[in-house]
Amino acid sequence: MPTDADLNLLIALNALLSEGSVSRAAERLGLSESAMSRTLARLRETTGDQLLVRAGRAMVPTPRALALRDRVKALVEEASAVLQPAGPNLNLSTLERMFTVRANDGFTEAFAHLLVARTAREAPGVRLRFAPKPDKDVRPLRGARSSTLPGPLHRRRATGPPAAGQR
């Protein structure tokens, strides 16, 4: 396989072959029609086939595109599965690892006990080490000196630390 292959083209090709339309494929991938048209041109150049050709007002797949459709779909689905979180294959009860959590004092005071308790229950071989995070510097995470930096998981506002009875 060429080392300069753009595997992102597989996602676009899958959308084009599934939708049979540049505009619907563009919408599906959140692209403009012109961007998808340029991508189709790149796919045509890369594959040496027209892939989709105009027949009246519709686009129809070439014989090569029809031959590729199921294979491309399976490749994209397999690649997507590979890039998903470990899910059910990860057995937390047998995981043995030390994680360093860089967090400010407020986070540590409010949530460390909850993290430690849940970790002990669900992953008894995992140890948590809390380290101070005096600033917003993420270099320790990039340098693998920390395993995680607490941050927002979604846009919902935090409700604050748990009440005394919940600790």
C-alpha atoms as a PDB file:
ATOM      1  CA  MET A   1       0.000   0.000   0.000  1.00  0.00           C
ATOM      2  CA  PRO A   2       1.379   3.423  -0.856  1.00  0.00           C
ATOM      3  CA  THR A   3       2.475   5.348   2.211  1.00  0.00           C
ATOM      4  CA  ASP A   4       0.857   8.517   0.900  1.00  0.00           C
ATOM      5  CA  ALA A   5      -2.664   7.013   0.676  1.00  0.00           C
ATOM      6  CA  ASP A   6      -5.296   9.319   2.190  1.00  0.00           C
ATOM      7  CA  LEU A   7      -7.493   6.941   4.126  1.00  0.00           C
ATOM      8  CA  ASN A   8      -9.989   9.741   4.781  1.00  0.00           C
ATOM      9  CA  LEU A   9     -11.014   9.249   1.167  1.00  0.00           C
ATOM     10  CA  LEU A  10     -12.560   5.916   2.165  1.00  0.00           C
ATOM     11  CA  ILE A  11     -15.065   7.710   4.397  1.00  0.00           C
ATOM     12  CA  ALA A  12     -15.996  10.062   1.578  1.00  0.00           C
ATOM     13  CA  LEU A  13     -16.204   7.209  -0.930  1.00  0.00           C
ATOM     14  CA  ASN A  14     -18.460   5.280   1.439  1.00  0.00           C
ATOM     15  CA  ALA A  15     -20.767   8.287   1.797  1.00  0.00           C
ATOM     16  CA  LEU A  16     -20.827   8.903  -1.958  1.00  0.00           C
ATOM     17  CA  LEU A  17     -21.578   5.275  -2.785  1.00  0.00           C
ATOM     18  CA  SER A  18     -24.191   4.975  -0.032  1.00  0.00           C
ATOM     19  CA  GLU A  19     -25.967   8.217  -0.891  1.00  0.00           C
ATOM     20  CA  GLY A  20     -25.479   8.203  -4.666  1.00  0.00           C
ATOM     21  CA  SER A  21     -25.391  11.973  -4.526  1.00  0.00           C
ATOM     22  CA  VAL A  22     -22.682  14.559  -3.992  1.00  0.00           C
ATOM     23  CA  SER A  23     -25.040  16.871  -2.107  1.00  0.00           C
ATOM     24  CA  ARG A  24     -26.398  14.148   0.220  1.00  0.00           C
ATOM     25  CA  ALA A  25     -22.896  12.768   0.847  1.00  0.00           C
ATOM     26  CA  ALA A  26     -21.698  16.294   1.627  1.00  0.00           C
ATOM     27  CA  GLU A  27     -24.566  16.803   4.059  1.00  0.00           C
ATOM     28  CA  ARG A  28     -23.905  13.443   5.721  1.00  0.00           C
ATOM     29  CA  LEU A  29     -20.249  14.354   6.317  1.00  0.00           C
ATOM     30  CA  GLY A  30     -20.872  17.990   7.189  1.00  0.00           C
ATOM     31  CA  LEU A  31     -19.076  19.315   4.114  1.00  0.00           C
ATOM     32  CA  SER A  32     -20.020  21.820   1.453  1.00  0.00           C
ATOM     33  CA  GLU A  33     -21.069  20.466  -1.932  1.00  0.00           C
ATOM     34  CA  SER A  34     -17.998  22.024  -3.524  1.00  0.00           C
ATOM     35  CA  ALA A  35     -15.711  20.296  -0.995  1.00  0.00           C
ATOM     36  CA  MET A  36     -17.400  16.963  -1.702  1.00  0.00           C
ATOM     37  CA  SER A  37     -17.094  17.571  -5.461  1.00  0.00           C
ATOM     38  CA  ARG A  38     -13.369  18.170  -5.017  1.00  0.00           C
ATOM     39  CA  THR A  39     -13.148  14.991  -2.957  1.00  0.00           C
ATOM     40  CA  LEU A  40     -14.939  13.047  -5.690  1.00  0.00           C
ATOM     41  CA  ALA A  41     -12.407  14.442  -8.181  1.00  0.00           C
ATOM     42  CA  ARG A  42      -9.563  13.233  -5.925  1.00  0.00           C
ATOM     43  CA  LEU A  43     -11.222   9.823  -5.629  1.00  0.00           C
ATOM     44  CA  ARG A  44     -11.548   9.625  -9.418  1.00  0.00           C
ATOM     45  CA  GLU A  45      -7.878  10.477  -9.822  1.00  0.00           C
ATOM     46  CA  THR A  46      -6.806   8.033  -7.107  1.00  0.00           C
ATOM     47  CA  THR A  47      -8.905   5.094  -8.342  1.00  0.00           C
ATOM     48  CA  GLY A  48      -8.652   5.775 -12.065  1.00  0.00           C
ATOM     49  CA  ASP A  49     -12.433   5.387 -12.318  1.00  0.00           C
ATOM     50  CA  GLN A  50     -15.284   7.884 -12.577  1.00  0.00           C
ATOM     51  CA  LEU A  51     -17.075   6.091  -9.666  1.00  0.00           C
ATOM     52  CA  LEU A  52     -20.271   8.150 -10.067  1.00  0.00           C
ATOM     53  CA  VAL A  53     -21.437   9.451 -13.447  1.00  0.00           C
ATOM     54  CA  ARG A  54     -24.303  11.717 -14.347  1.00  0.00           C
ATOM     55  CA  ALA A  55     -27.290  10.032 -15.976  1.00  0.00           C
ATOM     56  CA  GLY A  56     -29.856  12.757 -16.552  1.00  0.00           C
ATOM     57  CA  ARG A  57     -30.337  14.470 -13.212  1.00  0.00           C
ATOM     58  CA  ALA A  58     -29.059  11.539 -11.153  1.00  0.00           C
ATOM     59  CA  MET A  59     -25.627  10.139 -10.400  1.00  0.00           C
ATOM     60  CA  VAL A  60     -25.191   6.417 -10.998  1.00  0.00           C
ATOM     61  CA  PRO A  61     -22.300   4.235  -9.846  1.00  0.00           C
ATOM     62  CA  THR A  62     -19.911   2.761 -12.374  1.00  0.00           C
ATOM     63  CA  PRO A  63     -19.391  -1.023 -12.415  1.00  0.00           C
ATOM     64  CA  ARG A  64     -16.169  -0.537 -10.442  1.00  0.00           C
ATOM     65  CA  ALA A  65     -18.023   1.558  -7.831  1.00  0.00           C
ATOM     66  CA  LEU A  66     -20.651  -1.167  -7.499  1.00  0.00           C
ATOM     67  CA  ALA A  67     -17.892  -3.736  -7.013  1.00  0.00           C
ATOM     68  CA  LEU A  68     -16.240  -1.577  -4.343  1.00  0.00           C
ATOM     69  CA  ARG A  69     -19.367  -0.486  -2.438  1.00  0.00           C
ATOM     70  CA  ASP A  70     -19.681  -3.386   0.036  1.00  0.00           C
ATOM     71  CA  ARG A  71     -15.927  -3.639   0.549  1.00  0.00           C
ATOM     72  CA  VAL A  72     -15.568   0.091   1.255  1.00  0.00           C
ATOM     73  CA  LYS A  73     -18.523   0.008   3.643  1.00  0.00           C
ATOM     74  CA  ALA A  74     -16.969  -2.919   5.542  1.00  0.00           C
ATOM     75  CA  LEU A  75     -13.566  -1.178   5.671  1.00  0.00           C
ATOM     76  CA  VAL A  76     -15.069   2.026   7.078  1.00  0.00           C
ATOM     77  CA  GLU A  77     -17.115   0.107   9.647  1.00  0.00           C
ATOM     78  CA  GLU A  78     -14.065  -1.933  10.694  1.00  0.00           C
ATOM     79  CA  ALA A  79     -11.880   1.176  10.969  1.00  0.00           C
ATOM     80  CA  SER A  80     -14.573   2.891  13.039  1.00  0.00           C
ATOM     81  CA  ALA A  81     -14.759  -0.120  15.348  1.00  0.00           C
ATOM     82  CA  VAL A  82     -10.969  -0.098  15.804  1.00  0.00           C
ATOM     83  CA  LEU A  83     -11.064   3.556  16.836  1.00  0.00           C
ATOM     84  CA  GLN A  84     -13.810   3.091  19.455  1.00  0.00           C
ATOM     85  CA  PRO A  85     -13.095   2.939  23.188  1.00  0.00           C
ATOM     86  CA  ALA A  86     -12.151  -0.500  24.484  1.00  0.00           C
ATOM     87  CA  GLY A  87     -15.696  -1.127  25.729  1.00  0.00           C
ATOM     88  CA  PRO A  88     -16.610  -4.610  26.894  1.00  0.00           C
ATOM     89  CA  ASN A  89     -13.207  -6.096  26.007  1.00  0.00           C
ATOM     90  CA  LEU A  90     -11.559  -4.079  28.774  1.00  0.00           C
ATOM     91  CA  ASN A  91     -11.745  -6.005  32.015  1.00  0.00           C
ATOM     92  CA  LEU A  92     -11.376  -3.432  34.779  1.00  0.00           C
ATOM     93  CA  SER A  93     -11.316  -6.078  37.491  1.00  0.00           C
ATOM     94  CA  THR A  94      -7.982  -7.416  36.175  1.00  0.00           C
ATOM     95  CA  LEU A  95      -6.399  -4.127  35.101  1.00  0.00           C
ATOM     96  CA  GLU A  96      -3.239  -3.274  37.014  1.00  0.00           C
ATOM     97  CA  ARG A  97      -1.947   0.226  36.494  1.00  0.00           C
ATOM     98  CA  MET A  98      -1.051   3.481  38.231  1.00  0.00           C
ATOM     99  CA  PHE A  99      -2.754   6.649  36.993  1.00  0.00           C
ATOM    100  CA  THR A 100      -1.581  10.112  37.914  1.00  0.00           C
ATOM    101  CA  VAL A 101      -4.352  12.694  38.050  1.00  0.00           C
ATOM    102  CA  ARG A 102      -3.181  16.316  37.957  1.00  0.00           C
ATOM    103  CA  ALA A 103      -5.900  18.378  39.557  1.00  0.00           C
ATOM    104  CA  ASN A 104      -6.311  21.566  41.499  1.00  0.00           C
ATOM    105  CA  ASP A 105      -7.006  21.399  45.219  1.00  0.00           C
ATOM    106  CA  GLY A 106     -10.717  22.121  44.809  1.00  0.00           C
ATOM    107  CA  PHE A 107     -11.239  19.209  42.436  1.00  0.00           C
ATOM    108  CA  THR A 108      -9.155  16.873  44.562  1.00  0.00           C
ATOM    109  CA  GLU A 109     -11.016  17.826  47.740  1.00  0.00           C
ATOM    110  CA  ALA A 110     -14.435  17.494  46.112  1.00  0.00           C
ATOM    111  CA  PHE A 111     -14.007  14.393  43.972  1.00  0.00           C
ATOM    112  CA  ALA A 112     -10.881  12.379  44.858  1.00  0.00           C
ATOM    113  CA  HIS A 113     -12.656  10.283  47.459  1.00  0.00           C
ATOM    114  CA  LEU A 114     -15.376   9.393  44.937  1.00  0.00           C
ATOM    115  CA  LEU A 115     -12.829   8.429  42.295  1.00  0.00           C
ATOM    116  CA  VAL A 116     -10.820   6.348  44.753  1.00  0.00           C
ATOM    117  CA  ALA A 117     -13.904   4.533  46.055  1.00  0.00           C
ATOM    118  CA  ARG A 118     -15.248   3.731  42.582  1.00  0.00           C
ATOM    119  CA  THR A 119     -11.824   2.688  41.361  1.00  0.00           C
ATOM    120  CA  ALA A 120     -11.423   0.343  44.333  1.00  0.00           C
ATOM    121  CA  ARG A 121     -14.833  -1.194  43.563  1.00  0.00           C
ATOM    122  CA  GLU A 122     -14.523  -1.550  39.796  1.00  0.00           C
ATOM    123  CA  ALA A 123     -10.755  -1.796  39.224  1.00  0.00           C
ATOM    124  CA  PRO A 124      -9.058  -3.015  42.395  1.00  0.00           C
ATOM    125  CA  GLY A 125      -5.663  -3.310  40.683  1.00  0.00           C
ATOM    126  CA  VAL A 126      -5.658   0.357  39.678  1.00  0.00           C
ATOM    127  CA  ARG A 127      -3.941   2.946  41.857  1.00  0.00           C
ATOM    128  CA  LEU A 128      -4.626   6.662  41.639  1.00  0.00           C
ATOM    129  CA  ARG A 129      -2.003   9.257  42.444  1.00  0.00           C
ATOM    130  CA  PHE A 130      -3.145  12.855  42.734  1.00  0.00           C
ATOM    131  CA  ALA A 131      -0.617  15.535  41.833  1.00  0.00           C
ATOM    132  CA  PRO A 132      -1.062  19.307  42.134  1.00  0.00           C
ATOM    133  CA  LYS A 133      -2.043  21.260  39.058  1.00  0.00           C
ATOM    134  CA  PRO A 134      -1.242  24.878  39.857  1.00  0.00           C
ATOM    135  CA  ASP A 135      -1.803  26.138  36.301  1.00  0.00           C
ATOM    136  CA  LYS A 136      -3.335  25.205  32.956  1.00  0.00           C
ATOM    137  CA  ASP A 137      -0.080  23.788  31.572  1.00  0.00           C
ATOM    138  CA  VAL A 138      -0.785  20.504  29.722  1.00  0.00           C
ATOM    139  CA  ARG A 139       2.861  19.627  29.049  1.00  0.00           C
ATOM    140  CA  PRO A 140       2.959  17.036  31.867  1.00  0.00           C
ATOM    141  CA  LEU A 141       0.111  15.192  30.129  1.00  0.00           C
ATOM    142  CA  ARG A 142       1.823  15.353  26.764  1.00  0.00           C
ATOM    143  CA  GLY A 143       5.088  14.253  28.346  1.00  0.00           C
ATOM    144  CA  ALA A 144       3.371  11.265  30.005  1.00  0.00           C
ATOM    145  CA  ARG A 145       4.128  12.559  33.503  1.00  0.00           C
ATOM    146  CA  SER A 146       0.359  12.594  34.123  1.00  0.00           C
ATOM    147  CA  SER A 147      -2.316  10.167  32.980  1.00  0.00           C
ATOM    148  CA  THR A 148      -5.199  12.581  33.030  1.00  0.00           C
ATOM    149  CA  LEU A 149      -6.222  16.149  33.599  1.00  0.00           C
ATOM    150  CA  PRO A 150      -9.764  16.666  34.875  1.00  0.00           C
ATOM    151  CA  GLY A 151     -11.891  18.756  32.570  1.00  0.00           C
ATOM    152  CA  PRO A 152     -15.420  19.132  31.287  1.00  0.00           C
ATOM    153  CA  LEU A 153     -16.880  15.915  29.905  1.00  0.00           C
ATOM    154  CA  HIS A 154     -19.800  17.695  28.304  1.00  0.00           C
ATOM    155  CA  ARG A 155     -21.348  21.127  28.132  1.00  0.00           C
ATOM    156  CA  ARG A 156     -23.562  20.717  31.181  1.00  0.00           C
ATOM    157  CA  ARG A 157     -22.503  22.954  34.058  1.00  0.00           C
ATOM    158  CA  ALA A 158     -21.048  21.263  37.106  1.00  0.00           C
ATOM    159  CA  THR A 159     -23.343  21.117  40.084  1.00  0.00           C
ATOM    160  CA  GLY A 160     -20.529  21.698  42.570  1.00  0.00           C
ATOM    161  CA  PRO A 161     -19.055  19.453  45.213  1.00  0.00           C
ATOM    162  CA  PRO A 162     -21.244  16.757  46.764  1.00  0.00           C
ATOM    163  CA  ALA A 163     -23.146  17.580  49.899  1.00  0.00           C
ATOM    164  CA  ALA A 164     -21.638  16.454  53.203  1.00  0.00           C
ATOM    165  CA  GLY A 165     -23.988  13.447  53.358  1.00  0.00           C
ATOM    166  CA  GLN A 166     -22.874  12.257  49.903  1.00  0.00           C
ATOM    167  CA  ARG A 167     -19.170  12.092  50.720  1.00  0.00           C
END
